[in-house]
Amino acid sequence: MFQRYFTRSIALVLILFVGTASAAETDQGIFWKATKEDKTVYLLGSIHLATEDYYPMRSQIERAYAQSDAVAVEADILAAESDMLIQQKIMMESVYQGERSLRDDLPADLYKKLQAWMHKRNMPEAMFIRQRPAIAMISMSMIEMQAQGLNPELGIDRHFLSKAKKDGKPVLELEGILQQFQLLNGLDNPALLLQQTLEQLEDISTFLPKLTSAWKAGDDKALNHLIILDGLEESPEYQPLYEKLFFQRNEKMANKIILKAPKYRKLFVVVGAGHLVGQGSIAELMKQKGYKLERI
């Protein structure tokens, strides 16, 4: 259960974007059509935890999937869940080895804030003490978001991954589960990520509706502010964190999409919505490489 729990949750916290919705067929979402010569790439901004009323998604999105020859995702979470070797590696990346613990990697004042959060949620300290900072952040985010009624089984990327496997469409990974874990655990200042998470979770009940409204309206500018720009304006010290979690990953994923796209007439790409908004987004980078972008 431990490995499956983290395998299912990793994509969410790398994007830092969740929401709830209704009237799915009228929701706009973040959906781009990128064309170059005779090739088409669809770019869908995913929400990694959702509710049943996200579905069915609007017909343009489902039709684009049906017409596509392959699906590309950040990480094939379904394949990882059935691969015991990957799950063992995830476990090794998730917890401390030897005598070291989470307390050793956090400033004393930050650890006290974490203890206060655990007390508020009636979570035993023993549940977190062996987890590395980034993994503790995932645990906290999952607990809070599920408390808001969100379900990782209903995430948009999981929805289309399940359909692709059922329909026999090829699935391409733009990153991979282990690569994402290694990225998080390799941050220069992992305590900064945990600190940001604690700050965000304090406002989760008011923050989620804003994100929901922006996503439903397809308002990419509002999403860019909510996910990236507002945080950087309020806390400039988070710039290196955003560079690692968003901009550097955007460039790598865009390059991989551009490399893979010519092999397919139509490619359906599902990535976290935060990767498709603003300057330095995957959509913007593909435009710079000669793709014609159209919002659908």
Protein backbone atom coordinates (compact mmCIF):
# COMPACT_ATOMS: atom_id res chain seq x y z
CA MET A 1 0.00 0.00 0.00
CA PHE A 2 2.81 2.43 0.82
CA GLN A 3 4.36 2.17 -2.64
CA ARG A 4 0.99 2.38 -4.43
CA TYR A 5 0.05 5.42 -2.36
CA PHE A 6 3.09 7.40 -3.47
CA THR A 7 3.05 6.10 -7.04
CA ARG A 8 -0.44 7.48 -7.44
CA SER A 9 0.27 10.84 -5.83
CA ILE A 10 3.60 11.94 -7.26
CA ALA A 11 2.33 13.79 -10.29
CA LEU A 12 -0.04 15.89 -8.26
CA VAL A 13 2.46 17.60 -6.03
CA LEU A 14 4.91 18.26 -8.82
CA ILE A 15 2.24 20.37 -10.43
CA LEU A 16 0.73 21.85 -7.27
CA PHE A 17 -2.63 22.10 -8.95
CA VAL A 18 -5.95 20.59 -7.87
CA GLY A 19 -9.61 21.46 -7.98
CA THR A 20 -13.22 20.36 -8.00
CA ALA A 21 -15.69 20.87 -10.81
CA SER A 22 -19.18 20.29 -12.09
CA ALA A 23 -20.98 20.35 -15.43
CA ALA A 24 -17.99 18.70 -17.06
CA GLU A 25 -19.23 19.00 -20.63
CA THR A 26 -19.20 22.80 -20.38
CA ASP A 27 -15.84 23.06 -18.61
CA GLN A 28 -13.20 24.53 -20.89
CA GLY A 29 -10.03 23.37 -19.18
CA ILE A 30 -6.63 24.08 -20.69
CA PHE A 31 -6.55 22.45 -24.12
CA TRP A 32 -4.28 23.32 -27.04
CA LYS A 33 -3.96 22.06 -30.58
CA ALA A 34 -0.40 22.37 -31.91
CA THR A 35 0.22 21.73 -35.61
CA LYS A 36 3.33 21.60 -37.74
CA GLU A 37 3.24 20.47 -41.37
CA ASP A 38 0.90 17.44 -41.36
CA LYS A 39 1.36 16.54 -37.69
CA THR A 40 -0.91 17.43 -34.75
CA VAL A 41 -0.17 17.47 -31.04
CA TYR A 42 -3.01 17.94 -28.57
CA LEU A 43 -1.97 19.39 -25.19
CA LEU A 44 -4.35 18.85 -22.28
CA GLY A 45 -3.78 20.42 -18.86
CA SER A 46 -4.47 17.73 -16.29
CA ILE A 47 -5.85 17.82 -12.79
CA HIS A 48 -4.33 14.86 -10.98
CA LEU A 49 -7.03 14.51 -8.31
CA ALA A 50 -10.62 15.09 -9.28
CA THR A 51 -14.26 14.19 -8.65
CA GLU A 52 -16.78 12.17 -10.62
CA ASP A 53 -18.42 15.25 -12.07
CA TYR A 54 -15.38 15.99 -14.20
CA TYR A 55 -16.71 13.32 -16.56
CA PRO A 56 -17.61 12.97 -19.31
CA MET A 57 -15.20 15.63 -20.50
CA ARG A 58 -16.31 17.93 -23.29
CA SER A 59 -16.63 16.31 -26.68
CA GLN A 60 -13.72 18.17 -28.31
CA ILE A 61 -11.28 16.67 -25.81
CA GLU A 62 -12.65 13.12 -25.99
CA ARG A 63 -12.77 13.30 -29.79
CA ALA A 64 -9.16 14.49 -29.95
CA TYR A 65 -8.12 11.52 -27.82
CA ALA A 66 -10.07 9.10 -30.01
CA GLN A 67 -8.43 10.45 -33.17
CA SER A 68 -4.89 10.29 -31.74
CA ASP A 69 -2.46 7.49 -32.47
CA ALA A 70 -0.66 7.61 -29.11
CA VAL A 71 -0.86 9.18 -25.65
CA ALA A 72 2.01 10.92 -23.85
CA VAL A 73 2.01 11.53 -20.08
CA GLU A 74 4.51 12.74 -17.50
CA ALA A 75 4.67 9.27 -15.98
CA ASP A 76 2.85 6.01 -16.67
CA ILE A 77 1.48 5.58 -13.17
CA LEU A 78 -0.55 2.49 -14.12
CA ALA A 79 2.53 0.64 -15.33
CA ALA A 80 4.43 1.64 -12.19
CA GLU A 81 1.68 0.31 -9.94
CA SER A 82 2.05 -3.18 -11.41
CA ASP A 83 5.87 -3.22 -11.47
CA MET A 84 7.25 -4.52 -8.17
CA LEU A 85 10.82 -3.54 -9.02
CA ILE A 86 9.83 0.08 -9.60
CA GLN A 87 7.81 0.07 -6.40
CA GLN A 88 10.83 -1.19 -4.47
CA LYS A 89 12.95 1.57 -5.96
CA ILE A 90 10.27 4.11 -5.05
CA MET A 91 10.38 2.85 -1.47
CA MET A 92 14.16 3.27 -1.38
CA GLU A 93 13.79 6.83 -2.67
CA SER A 94 11.01 7.59 -0.18
CA VAL A 95 12.46 6.79 3.22
CA TYR A 96 15.71 7.39 5.04
CA GLN A 97 18.22 4.61 5.31
CA GLY A 98 20.13 4.10 8.55
CA GLU A 99 19.58 6.33 11.57
CA ARG A 100 18.84 9.62 9.79
CA SER A 101 15.30 11.04 10.05
CA LEU A 102 13.19 13.91 8.80
CA ARG A 103 14.00 15.92 11.91
CA ASP A 104 17.67 15.98 10.87
CA ASP A 105 16.93 17.67 7.53
CA LEU A 106 14.57 20.40 8.71
CA PRO A 107 15.21 23.60 10.68
CA ALA A 108 13.84 23.29 14.20
CA ASP A 109 11.14 25.94 13.68
CA LEU A 110 9.93 24.26 10.48
CA TYR A 111 9.77 20.87 12.18
CA LYS A 112 7.63 22.42 14.93
CA LYS A 113 5.22 23.69 12.26
CA LEU A 114 5.10 20.20 10.79
CA GLN A 115 4.36 18.78 14.25
CA ALA A 116 1.54 21.31 14.64
CA TRP A 117 0.06 20.18 11.33
CA MET A 118 0.31 16.52 12.39
CA HIS A 119 -1.45 17.31 15.65
CA LYS A 120 -4.21 19.17 13.78
CA ARG A 121 -4.78 16.19 11.50
CA ASN A 122 -4.31 13.59 14.26
CA MET A 123 -1.40 12.07 12.38
CA PRO A 124 1.21 10.14 14.40
CA GLU A 125 4.71 11.55 14.16
CA ALA A 126 6.01 8.04 13.51
CA MET A 127 4.20 8.09 10.15
CA PHE A 128 6.39 10.96 8.93
CA ILE A 129 9.69 10.73 10.78
CA ARG A 130 11.22 8.20 8.34
CA GLN A 131 10.03 10.01 5.20
CA ARG A 132 12.35 12.28 3.29
CA PRO A 133 11.20 15.93 3.03
CA ALA A 134 9.73 15.73 -0.48
CA ILE A 135 7.88 12.54 0.39
CA ALA A 136 6.48 14.05 3.57
CA MET A 137 5.26 16.90 1.39
CA ILE A 138 3.46 14.41 -0.87
CA SER A 139 1.85 12.72 2.13
CA MET A 140 0.62 16.01 3.56
CA SER A 141 -0.76 17.19 0.22
CA MET A 142 -2.59 13.93 -0.38
CA ILE A 143 -4.13 13.94 3.10
CA GLU A 144 -5.36 17.53 2.79
CA MET A 145 -6.66 17.16 -0.76
CA GLN A 146 -8.50 13.95 -0.04
CA ALA A 147 -10.00 15.69 2.99
CA GLN A 148 -11.39 18.20 0.46
CA GLY A 149 -13.13 15.36 -1.37
CA LEU A 150 -10.62 14.86 -4.19
CA ASN A 151 -9.82 11.38 -5.47
CA PRO A 152 -6.55 10.33 -7.18
CA GLU A 153 -8.44 7.52 -8.93
CA LEU A 154 -10.38 10.16 -10.88
CA GLY A 155 -7.43 12.24 -12.12
CA ILE A 156 -7.51 13.28 -15.77
CA ASP A 157 -4.16 11.70 -16.60
CA ARG A 158 -5.30 8.40 -15.05
CA HIS A 159 -8.56 8.63 -17.02
CA PHE A 160 -6.78 8.84 -20.36
CA LEU A 161 -4.08 6.36 -19.38
CA SER A 162 -6.77 3.81 -18.58
CA LYS A 163 -8.51 4.47 -21.88
CA ALA A 164 -5.24 4.19 -23.81
CA LYS A 165 -4.39 0.83 -22.28
CA LYS A 166 -7.91 -0.47 -22.92
CA ASP A 167 -7.83 0.81 -26.52
CA GLY A 168 -4.31 -0.47 -27.18
CA LYS A 169 -2.83 2.96 -27.89
CA PRO A 170 0.92 3.39 -27.30
CA VAL A 171 1.77 5.26 -24.09
CA LEU A 172 4.86 7.50 -24.03
CA GLU A 173 6.50 8.75 -20.85
CA LEU A 174 7.87 12.28 -20.87
CA GLU A 175 9.58 11.76 -17.52
CA GLY A 176 8.85 8.70 -15.38
CA ILE A 177 8.02 7.99 -11.75
CA LEU A 178 11.58 7.37 -10.58
CA GLN A 179 12.89 10.43 -12.39
CA GLN A 180 10.27 12.55 -10.62
CA PHE A 181 11.19 11.14 -7.21
CA GLN A 182 14.87 11.70 -7.88
CA LEU A 183 14.14 15.27 -8.93
CA LEU A 184 12.32 16.01 -5.68
CA ASN A 185 14.88 14.30 -3.50
CA GLY A 186 17.71 16.05 -5.34
CA LEU A 187 16.52 19.59 -4.61
CA ASP A 188 19.26 21.80 -3.17
CA ASN A 189 17.03 22.93 -0.32
CA PRO A 190 14.29 20.32 0.24
CA ALA A 191 13.13 22.10 3.39
CA LEU A 192 12.00 24.99 1.17
CA LEU A 193 9.52 22.72 -0.60
CA LEU A 194 8.08 21.49 2.70
CA GLN A 195 7.84 25.05 3.98
CA GLN A 196 5.96 26.15 0.86
CA THR A 197 3.60 23.19 1.18
CA LEU A 198 2.73 24.05 4.78
CA GLU A 199 2.02 27.64 3.75
CA GLN A 200 -0.20 26.56 0.86
CA LEU A 201 -2.15 24.04 2.90
CA GLU A 202 -3.11 26.73 5.39
CA ASP A 203 -5.16 28.39 2.62
CA ILE A 204 -6.33 25.29 0.78
CA SER A 205 -10.05 25.81 1.44
CA THR A 206 -10.01 29.28 -0.18
CA PHE A 207 -7.31 28.56 -2.76
CA LEU A 208 -8.99 25.54 -4.38
CA PRO A 209 -12.16 27.35 -5.51
CA LYS A 210 -10.05 30.00 -7.25
CA LEU A 211 -8.11 27.34 -9.11
CA THR A 212 -11.31 25.50 -9.97
CA SER A 213 -12.96 28.56 -11.43
CA ALA A 214 -9.92 29.44 -13.51
CA TRP A 215 -9.56 25.90 -14.89
CA LYS A 216 -13.27 25.58 -15.70
CA ALA A 217 -13.19 28.90 -17.52
CA GLY A 218 -10.02 27.96 -19.39
CA ASP A 219 -8.41 31.12 -18.02
CA ASP A 220 -4.72 30.36 -18.55
CA LYS A 221 -3.63 33.82 -17.37
CA ALA A 222 -5.42 33.43 -14.05
CA LEU A 223 -3.98 29.92 -13.63
CA ASN A 224 -0.48 31.19 -14.35
CA HIS A 225 -0.85 33.76 -11.59
CA LEU A 226 -2.35 31.31 -9.12
CA ILE A 227 0.12 28.52 -9.76
CA ILE A 228 3.35 30.40 -10.42
CA LEU A 229 3.44 34.21 -10.61
CA ASP A 230 1.69 35.08 -7.34
CA GLY A 231 3.92 32.71 -5.40
CA LEU A 232 7.07 34.16 -6.91
CA GLU A 233 5.92 37.71 -6.23
CA GLU A 234 5.15 36.96 -2.60
CA SER A 235 8.21 34.77 -2.01
CA PRO A 236 11.07 35.49 -4.47
CA GLU A 237 13.23 33.00 -2.59
CA TYR A 238 11.17 30.25 -4.23
CA GLN A 239 12.57 31.10 -7.69
CA PRO A 240 15.10 28.20 -7.70
CA LEU A 241 12.31 25.84 -6.65
CA TYR A 242 10.04 26.94 -9.49
CA GLU A 243 12.92 26.69 -11.94
CA LYS A 244 13.37 23.02 -11.01
CA LEU A 245 9.70 22.07 -10.71
CA PHE A 246 8.36 23.95 -13.72
CA PHE A 247 10.64 25.71 -16.18
CA GLN A 248 13.46 23.18 -16.50
CA ARG A 249 10.99 20.32 -16.69
CA ASN A 250 8.90 22.20 -19.27
CA GLU A 251 11.91 22.51 -21.55
CA LYS A 252 12.80 18.83 -21.26
CA MET A 253 9.23 17.66 -21.80
CA ALA A 254 8.70 20.02 -24.75
CA ASN A 255 11.87 18.72 -26.39
CA LYS A 256 10.73 15.13 -25.91
CA ILE A 257 7.27 15.88 -27.36
CA ILE A 258 8.87 17.55 -30.38
CA LEU A 259 11.18 14.56 -30.82
CA LYS A 260 8.36 11.99 -30.60
CA ALA A 261 5.59 13.87 -32.44
CA PRO A 262 6.82 13.26 -36.02
CA LYS A 263 6.36 9.51 -35.48
CA TYR A 264 2.59 9.96 -35.13
CA ARG A 265 -0.06 11.65 -37.22
CA LYS A 266 -1.76 12.85 -34.03
CA LEU A 267 -0.32 12.73 -30.49
CA PHE A 268 -2.44 13.32 -27.39
CA VAL A 269 -0.40 14.79 -24.51
CA VAL A 270 -1.64 15.04 -20.91
CA VAL A 271 0.48 17.04 -18.45
CA GLY A 272 -0.28 19.02 -15.33
CA ALA A 273 -2.08 22.26 -16.13
CA GLY A 274 0.75 24.29 -14.58
CA HIS A 275 3.02 23.16 -17.41
CA LEU A 276 0.79 24.68 -20.10
CA VAL A 277 0.37 28.25 -18.87
CA GLY A 278 2.52 31.34 -19.05
CA GLN A 279 5.97 32.18 -20.33
CA GLY A 280 8.24 29.16 -20.43
CA SER A 281 5.33 26.72 -20.67
CA ILE A 282 5.40 23.64 -22.90
CA ALA A 283 2.88 25.31 -25.23
CA GLU A 284 5.01 28.45 -25.53
CA LEU A 285 8.18 26.45 -26.12
CA MET A 286 6.53 24.45 -28.90
CA LYS A 287 5.37 27.67 -30.52
CA GLN A 288 8.97 28.86 -30.52
CA LYS A 289 9.92 25.64 -32.34
CA GLY A 290 7.57 26.34 -35.22
CA TYR A 291 4.29 24.83 -34.05
CA LYS A 292 1.07 26.73 -34.69
CA LEU A 293 -0.92 26.94 -31.43
CA GLU A 294 -4.71 27.07 -31.25
CA ARG A 295 -6.89 26.99 -28.13
CA ILE A 296 -9.76 24.55 -28.52
